[in-house]
N, C-alpha and C. Protein backbone atom coordinates (compact mmCIF):
# COMPACT_ATOMS: atom_id res chain seq x y z
N MET A 1 25.55 19.82 -48.97
CA MET A 1 26.92 19.96 -49.68
C MET A 1 27.41 21.64 -49.32
N VAL A 2 28.91 21.33 -49.06
CA VAL A 2 29.90 22.59 -48.18
C VAL A 2 30.16 22.86 -49.23
N GLN A 3 30.10 24.13 -49.44
CA GLN A 3 31.17 25.10 -50.33
C GLN A 3 32.00 26.10 -49.66
N LYS A 4 33.21 25.72 -50.03
CA LYS A 4 34.58 26.56 -49.79
C LYS A 4 34.31 28.04 -50.07
N ALA A 5 34.69 28.73 -49.55
CA ALA A 5 35.25 30.13 -49.99
C ALA A 5 36.49 30.39 -50.46
N LEU A 6 36.49 30.74 -51.97
CA LEU A 6 37.76 30.73 -52.27
C LEU A 6 38.20 32.76 -52.22
N VAL A 7 39.52 32.70 -51.86
CA VAL A 7 40.01 34.22 -51.28
C VAL A 7 40.38 34.24 -53.02
N CYS A 8 40.39 35.44 -53.85
CA CYS A 8 41.18 35.57 -54.80
C CYS A 8 41.88 36.70 -55.00
N TYR A 9 42.78 37.16 -56.03
CA TYR A 9 42.91 38.66 -56.05
C TYR A 9 41.96 39.13 -56.90
N ASN A 10 41.82 40.61 -56.55
CA ASN A 10 40.84 41.59 -57.17
C ASN A 10 41.56 41.80 -58.40
N ALA A 11 40.37 41.16 -59.47
CA ALA A 11 41.14 41.72 -60.81
C ALA A 11 40.79 43.00 -61.47
N GLU A 12 39.81 43.62 -60.55
CA GLU A 12 39.72 45.14 -60.71
C GLU A 12 40.50 45.80 -60.54
N GLN A 13 41.36 45.51 -59.83
CA GLN A 13 42.24 46.45 -59.30
C GLN A 13 43.71 45.67 -59.56
N MET A 14 44.06 45.34 -60.64
CA MET A 14 45.24 44.52 -61.22
C MET A 14 46.25 45.24 -61.20
N ARG A 15 47.28 45.01 -60.89
CA ARG A 15 48.45 45.76 -60.54
C ARG A 15 49.36 45.05 -61.96
N LYS A 16 50.21 45.69 -62.33
CA LYS A 16 51.62 45.48 -63.24
C LYS A 16 52.64 44.57 -62.21
N VAL A 17 52.63 43.23 -62.11
CA VAL A 17 53.78 43.06 -61.24
C VAL A 17 54.95 42.11 -61.92
N GLU A 18 55.97 42.88 -61.79
CA GLU A 18 57.74 42.09 -62.37
C GLU A 18 58.24 41.63 -61.12
N ILE A 19 59.15 40.65 -61.43
CA ILE A 19 60.22 39.98 -60.02
C ILE A 19 61.19 39.16 -61.36
N TYR A 20 62.04 39.99 -60.56
CA TYR A 20 63.78 39.84 -60.96
C TYR A 20 64.27 38.51 -59.59
N SER A 21 64.73 37.66 -60.66
CA SER A 21 64.50 36.65 -59.38
C SER A 21 65.95 35.16 -60.19
N THR A 22 65.64 34.25 -59.86
CA THR A 22 66.82 33.24 -60.44
C THR A 22 66.72 31.96 -60.22
N ASP A 23 66.77 31.05 -60.16
CA ASP A 23 67.12 29.59 -60.28
C ASP A 23 67.14 28.73 -59.11
N SER A 24 68.11 29.66 -58.27
CA SER A 24 68.09 29.01 -57.10
C SER A 24 67.94 29.63 -55.90
N CYS A 25 67.31 30.62 -55.96
CA CYS A 25 66.73 31.69 -55.01
C CYS A 25 65.58 31.44 -54.01
N HIS A 26 65.95 31.02 -52.84
CA HIS A 26 64.57 30.12 -51.99
C HIS A 26 63.57 31.28 -51.81
N PHE A 27 63.86 32.46 -51.60
CA PHE A 27 62.86 33.68 -51.49
C PHE A 27 61.95 33.91 -52.84
N CYS A 28 62.79 33.79 -54.18
CA CYS A 28 62.18 34.11 -55.24
C CYS A 28 61.02 33.33 -55.62
N HIS A 29 61.37 31.91 -54.76
CA HIS A 29 59.99 30.83 -54.94
C HIS A 29 59.06 30.67 -54.30
N MET A 30 59.53 31.79 -53.04
CA MET A 30 58.39 31.81 -51.72
C MET A 30 57.42 32.68 -52.66
N THR A 31 58.26 33.87 -52.97
CA THR A 31 57.68 35.21 -53.81
C THR A 31 56.42 34.63 -54.91
N LYS A 32 57.05 33.82 -55.71
CA LYS A 32 56.57 33.15 -57.05
C LYS A 32 55.01 32.26 -56.47
N GLU A 33 55.32 31.45 -55.27
CA GLU A 33 54.34 30.88 -55.23
C GLU A 33 53.24 31.69 -54.59
N PHE A 34 53.98 32.40 -53.37
CA PHE A 34 52.18 33.62 -52.84
C PHE A 34 51.85 34.24 -54.40
N PHE A 35 52.35 34.76 -55.05
CA PHE A 35 51.41 35.54 -56.44
C PHE A 35 50.81 34.24 -56.71
N SER A 36 50.97 32.90 -56.81
CA SER A 36 50.37 32.41 -57.55
C SER A 36 49.30 31.53 -56.76
N ALA A 37 49.02 31.55 -55.43
CA ALA A 37 48.18 31.39 -54.42
C ALA A 37 47.34 32.22 -54.48
N ASN A 38 47.96 33.70 -54.82
CA ASN A 38 46.80 34.82 -54.53
C ASN A 38 46.58 35.18 -55.92
N ASN A 39 46.26 34.40 -56.99
CA ASN A 39 46.39 34.53 -58.34
C ASN A 39 46.83 36.15 -58.94
N VAL A 40 48.11 36.08 -58.43
CA VAL A 40 48.62 37.39 -58.51
C VAL A 40 49.43 37.17 -60.28
N PRO A 41 48.92 37.89 -61.24
CA PRO A 41 49.58 37.33 -62.71
C PRO A 41 51.13 38.43 -62.36
N PHE A 42 51.99 37.81 -62.90
CA PHE A 42 53.59 38.27 -62.90
C PHE A 42 53.89 37.76 -64.09
N THR A 43 55.42 39.01 -64.22
CA THR A 43 56.24 38.36 -65.33
C THR A 43 57.76 38.30 -64.43
N ASP A 44 58.30 37.46 -64.51
CA ASP A 44 59.51 36.82 -63.99
C ASP A 44 60.89 37.32 -65.02
N TYR A 45 61.42 37.45 -64.46
CA TYR A 45 62.57 38.03 -65.45
C TYR A 45 63.89 37.26 -64.43
N ASN A 46 64.69 36.04 -64.91
CA ASN A 46 65.53 35.29 -64.61
C ASN A 46 67.03 36.38 -64.99
N VAL A 47 67.72 36.63 -63.99
CA VAL A 47 68.73 37.33 -63.98
C VAL A 47 69.76 36.56 -63.72
N GLY A 48 69.69 35.61 -63.43
CA GLY A 48 70.75 34.20 -63.55
C GLY A 48 71.47 34.55 -65.02
N THR A 49 70.44 34.41 -65.87
CA THR A 49 70.57 34.53 -67.23
C THR A 49 70.65 35.24 -68.30
N ASP A 50 69.72 36.17 -67.75
CA ASP A 50 69.14 37.27 -68.73
C ASP A 50 70.22 38.97 -68.42
N THR A 51 70.99 38.67 -68.55
CA THR A 51 72.41 40.13 -68.22
C THR A 51 71.79 41.71 -68.38
N ALA A 52 70.71 41.68 -69.40
CA ALA A 52 70.07 43.14 -69.92
C ALA A 52 69.28 43.19 -68.08
N LYS A 53 68.73 41.93 -68.29
CA LYS A 53 67.59 42.24 -67.18
C LYS A 53 68.52 42.61 -65.60
N ARG A 54 69.51 41.65 -65.34
CA ARG A 54 70.07 42.05 -64.33
C ARG A 54 70.34 43.56 -64.13
N LYS A 55 70.61 44.07 -65.32
CA LYS A 55 71.08 45.32 -65.49
C LYS A 55 70.38 46.37 -65.01
N GLU A 56 69.17 45.91 -65.82
CA GLU A 56 67.67 46.89 -65.34
C GLU A 56 67.74 46.81 -64.08
N MET A 57 67.67 45.46 -63.43
CA MET A 57 67.48 45.44 -62.22
C MET A 57 68.16 46.28 -60.99
N VAL A 58 69.47 45.92 -61.29
CA VAL A 58 69.91 46.83 -60.29
C VAL A 58 69.89 48.53 -60.44
N GLU A 59 69.87 48.73 -61.76
CA GLU A 59 69.58 50.26 -62.11
C GLU A 59 68.12 50.78 -61.46
N LYS A 60 67.12 49.86 -61.25
CA LYS A 60 65.78 50.02 -60.72
C LYS A 60 66.11 50.23 -59.30
N SER A 61 66.88 49.38 -58.52
CA SER A 61 66.80 49.31 -57.12
C SER A 61 67.79 49.51 -56.72
N GLY A 62 68.74 49.12 -57.42
CA GLY A 62 70.48 49.69 -56.58
C GLY A 62 70.93 48.43 -55.93
N GLN A 63 70.38 47.06 -55.83
CA GLN A 63 70.20 45.84 -55.64
C GLN A 63 70.82 45.00 -56.63
N MET A 64 71.99 44.31 -56.01
CA MET A 64 72.55 42.80 -56.69
C MET A 64 71.33 41.45 -56.29
N GLY A 65 70.75 41.78 -54.77
CA GLY A 65 70.19 40.69 -54.53
C GLY A 65 68.90 40.48 -55.09
N VAL A 66 68.47 39.33 -55.00
CA VAL A 66 66.68 38.74 -55.62
C VAL A 66 65.95 38.44 -54.60
N PRO A 67 64.78 37.92 -54.50
CA PRO A 67 64.15 38.63 -55.27
C PRO A 67 64.10 40.23 -54.99
N VAL A 68 63.50 41.13 -56.73
CA VAL A 68 63.22 42.45 -56.51
C VAL A 68 62.08 42.57 -57.10
N ILE A 69 60.87 42.86 -56.35
CA ILE A 69 59.69 43.22 -56.95
C ILE A 69 59.13 44.49 -57.34
N VAL A 70 58.61 44.68 -58.57
CA VAL A 70 58.28 46.16 -58.95
C VAL A 70 57.03 46.11 -59.28
N VAL A 71 56.12 46.69 -58.99
CA VAL A 71 54.90 47.05 -59.15
C VAL A 71 54.23 48.16 -59.32
N ASP A 72 53.46 48.14 -60.39
CA ASP A 72 53.18 49.56 -60.97
C ASP A 72 54.10 50.05 -61.92
N ASP A 73 55.42 49.90 -62.12
CA ASP A 73 56.62 50.43 -62.66
C ASP A 73 56.92 51.31 -61.48
N LYS A 74 56.80 51.42 -60.37
CA LYS A 74 56.92 52.62 -59.13
C LYS A 74 57.15 52.07 -58.20
N ASP A 75 56.66 50.92 -57.52
CA ASP A 75 57.03 50.33 -56.10
C ASP A 75 57.70 49.19 -56.36
N ILE A 76 58.92 49.35 -55.35
CA ILE A 76 60.35 48.13 -55.70
C ILE A 76 60.24 48.07 -54.24
N VAL A 77 59.81 46.35 -53.89
CA VAL A 77 60.36 45.76 -53.13
C VAL A 77 61.30 44.58 -52.93
N VAL A 78 62.24 44.82 -52.32
CA VAL A 78 63.64 43.96 -51.99
C VAL A 78 63.73 42.85 -51.47
N GLY A 79 63.19 41.60 -51.54
CA GLY A 79 63.18 40.34 -50.61
C GLY A 79 61.61 40.36 -50.92
N PHE A 80 61.47 38.66 -50.34
CA PHE A 80 59.78 38.46 -49.79
C PHE A 80 59.48 39.37 -48.79
N ASP A 81 58.68 40.31 -49.25
CA ASP A 81 58.22 40.95 -47.93
C ASP A 81 56.69 41.11 -48.16
N LYS A 82 56.15 39.80 -46.95
CA LYS A 82 54.56 39.38 -47.63
C LYS A 82 53.41 40.84 -46.83
N ASN A 83 54.36 41.24 -46.11
CA ASN A 83 53.11 42.07 -45.45
C ASN A 83 53.01 43.20 -46.62
N THR A 84 54.02 43.58 -46.92
CA THR A 84 54.38 45.28 -47.76
C THR A 84 53.58 44.34 -49.72
N LEU A 85 53.69 43.02 -49.48
CA LEU A 85 53.10 42.65 -51.03
C LEU A 85 51.63 42.84 -51.03
N VAL A 86 51.13 42.41 -49.53
CA VAL A 86 49.91 42.39 -49.37
C VAL A 86 49.05 43.93 -49.51
N LYS A 87 49.57 44.89 -49.17
CA LYS A 87 49.48 46.18 -48.78
C LYS A 87 49.45 46.63 -50.16
N LEU A 88 50.37 46.61 -50.79
CA LEU A 88 50.83 46.68 -52.44
C LEU A 88 49.58 46.16 -53.14
N LEU A 89 49.07 45.13 -53.28
CA LEU A 89 48.83 44.31 -54.03
C LEU A 89 46.74 44.60 -53.55
N ASP A 90 46.72 45.11 -52.45
CA ASP A 90 44.96 44.63 -51.90
C ASP A 90 45.01 43.27 -51.58
N ILE A 91 45.74 42.45 -51.53
CA ILE A 91 45.20 41.20 -51.22
C ILE A 91 44.76 41.33 -49.63
N PRO A 92 43.68 40.47 -49.80
CA PRO A 92 42.82 40.34 -48.37
C PRO A 92 43.49 39.71 -47.45
N ALA A 93 43.84 39.90 -45.95
CA ALA A 93 44.62 39.40 -45.28
C ALA A 93 43.89 38.06 -44.59
């Protein structure tokens, strides 16, 4: 029998992860797929339809572009920066 090791997100170090995204954003989809592949729970705000969340995103990041990722209400990542997300979320490389 062959067992395959699964690399999973460390639940003991779970972070609060929020993503501000739009339906048509390719990098938003890539970011959410990355989170799902690494078992990182996240809250997704669609700023294409939610004007209050769009305003909140701009106030937090100073950016209109998406995705904007906020980790633990303090670290802000603009765009899909895999290396930065791996470090912030303690995901094994």
